[in-house]
């Protein structure tokens, strides 16, 4: 709790998910760091599946689909 990783998980759990711009603003990370965290720390280490979908009004939006 209180870590950038926890903040990222909270953002991705919201029904509206989070855009890369929102994630970068909230965490202070660059885009490649945020993508790495979603793939590495969340995906490979914690078994959390993150999906992305392109939305007309917001662009690419990331959400947690489920955990393994």
C-alpha atoms as a PDB file:
ATOM      1  CA  UNK A   1       0.000   0.000   0.000  1.00  0.00           C
ATOM      2  CA  UNK A   2       1.175   3.505  -0.771  1.00  0.00           C
ATOM      3  CA  UNK A   3       3.624   2.395  -3.466  1.00  0.00           C
ATOM      4  CA  UNK A   4       3.555   3.350  -7.120  1.00  0.00           C
ATOM      5  CA  UNK A   5       2.838  -0.279  -7.967  1.00  0.00           C
ATOM      6  CA  UNK A   6      -0.181  -0.253  -5.638  1.00  0.00           C
ATOM      7  CA  UNK A   7      -1.344   3.012  -7.240  1.00  0.00           C
ATOM      8  CA  UNK A   8      -1.020   1.433 -10.689  1.00  0.00           C
ATOM      9  CA  UNK A   9      -3.063  -1.606  -9.625  1.00  0.00           C
ATOM     10  CA  UNK A  10      -5.792   0.645  -8.183  1.00  0.00           C
ATOM     11  CA  UNK A  11      -5.958   2.634 -11.426  1.00  0.00           C
ATOM     12  CA  UNK A  12      -6.193  -0.479 -13.568  1.00  0.00           C
ATOM     13  CA  UNK A  13      -8.903  -2.019 -11.363  1.00  0.00           C
ATOM     14  CA  UNK A  14     -11.262   0.923 -11.946  1.00  0.00           C
ATOM     15  CA  UNK A  15     -14.019   0.219 -14.478  1.00  0.00           C
ATOM     16  CA  UNK A  16     -12.680   3.052 -16.658  1.00  0.00           C
ATOM     17  CA  UNK A  17      -9.101   1.730 -16.396  1.00  0.00           C
ATOM     18  CA  UNK A  18      -6.252   4.100 -17.138  1.00  0.00           C
ATOM     19  CA  UNK A  19      -4.560   5.602 -20.165  1.00  0.00           C
ATOM     20  CA  UNK A  20      -0.787   5.733 -20.461  1.00  0.00           C
ATOM     21  CA  UNK A  21      -0.936   9.496 -19.911  1.00  0.00           C
ATOM     22  CA  UNK A  22      -2.956   9.056 -16.703  1.00  0.00           C
ATOM     23  CA  UNK A  23      -0.597   6.342 -15.452  1.00  0.00           C
ATOM     24  CA  UNK A  24       2.464   8.473 -16.210  1.00  0.00           C
ATOM     25  CA  UNK A  25       0.960  11.507 -14.447  1.00  0.00           C
ATOM     26  CA  UNK A  26      -0.010   9.503 -11.358  1.00  0.00           C
ATOM     27  CA  UNK A  27       3.264   7.607 -10.959  1.00  0.00           C
ATOM     28  CA  UNK A  28       5.824   9.986 -12.452  1.00  0.00           C
ATOM     29  CA  UNK A  29       7.102   7.115 -14.620  1.00  0.00           C
ATOM     30  CA  UNK A  30       8.011   7.329 -18.286  1.00  0.00           C
ATOM     31  CA  UNK A  31       5.923   5.265 -20.707  1.00  0.00           C
ATOM     32  CA  UNK A  32       8.489   2.474 -21.044  1.00  0.00           C
ATOM     33  CA  UNK A  33       8.685   2.141 -17.250  1.00  0.00           C
ATOM     34  CA  UNK A  34       4.904   1.921 -16.934  1.00  0.00           C
ATOM     35  CA  UNK A  35       4.677  -0.686 -19.694  1.00  0.00           C
ATOM     36  CA  UNK A  36       7.496  -2.641 -18.068  1.00  0.00           C
ATOM     37  CA  UNK A  37       5.725  -2.571 -14.713  1.00  0.00           C
ATOM     38  CA  UNK A  38       2.504  -3.850 -16.277  1.00  0.00           C
ATOM     39  CA  UNK A  39       4.328  -6.628 -18.117  1.00  0.00           C
ATOM     40  CA  UNK A  40       6.985  -7.565 -15.587  1.00  0.00           C
ATOM     41  CA  UNK A  41       5.926  -6.754 -12.042  1.00  0.00           C
ATOM     42  CA  UNK A  42       2.194  -7.219 -12.519  1.00  0.00           C
ATOM     43  CA  UNK A  43       2.152  -9.854 -15.237  1.00  0.00           C
ATOM     44  CA  UNK A  44       5.116 -12.095 -14.595  1.00  0.00           C
ATOM     45  CA  UNK A  45       5.620 -11.678 -10.852  1.00  0.00           C
ATOM     46  CA  UNK A  46       2.061 -11.210  -9.578  1.00  0.00           C
ATOM     47  CA  UNK A  47       0.137 -13.091 -12.287  1.00  0.00           C
ATOM     48  CA  UNK A  48      -2.147 -10.148 -13.040  1.00  0.00           C
ATOM     49  CA  UNK A  49      -3.439 -10.039 -16.611  1.00  0.00           C
ATOM     50  CA  UNK A  50      -3.571  -6.509 -17.998  1.00  0.00           C
ATOM     51  CA  UNK A  51      -5.558  -5.892 -21.170  1.00  0.00           C
ATOM     52  CA  UNK A  52      -5.522  -2.883 -23.442  1.00  0.00           C
ATOM     53  CA  UNK A  53      -8.179  -1.643 -25.787  1.00  0.00           C
ATOM     54  CA  UNK A  54      -8.321   1.346 -28.082  1.00  0.00           C
ATOM     55  CA  UNK A  55     -11.252   3.616 -27.254  1.00  0.00           C
ATOM     56  CA  UNK A  56     -12.449   6.358 -29.583  1.00  0.00           C
ATOM     57  CA  UNK A  57     -12.563   9.126 -26.985  1.00  0.00           C
ATOM     58  CA  UNK A  58      -9.561   8.191 -24.768  1.00  0.00           C
ATOM     59  CA  UNK A  59      -7.126   6.241 -26.928  1.00  0.00           C
ATOM     60  CA  UNK A  60      -5.511   3.084 -25.533  1.00  0.00           C
ATOM     61  CA  UNK A  61      -6.915   2.151 -22.127  1.00  0.00           C
ATOM     62  CA  UNK A  62      -5.365  -0.444 -19.810  1.00  0.00           C
ATOM     63  CA  UNK A  63      -7.385  -2.543 -17.364  1.00  0.00           C
ATOM     64  CA  UNK A  64      -6.889  -5.561 -15.146  1.00  0.00           C
ATOM     65  CA  UNK A  65      -8.709  -8.496 -16.732  1.00  0.00           C
ATOM     66  CA  UNK A  66      -8.095 -11.093 -14.021  1.00  0.00           C
ATOM     67  CA  UNK A  67      -5.396 -12.654 -11.898  1.00  0.00           C
ATOM     68  CA  UNK A  68      -3.882 -16.053 -12.538  1.00  0.00           C
END
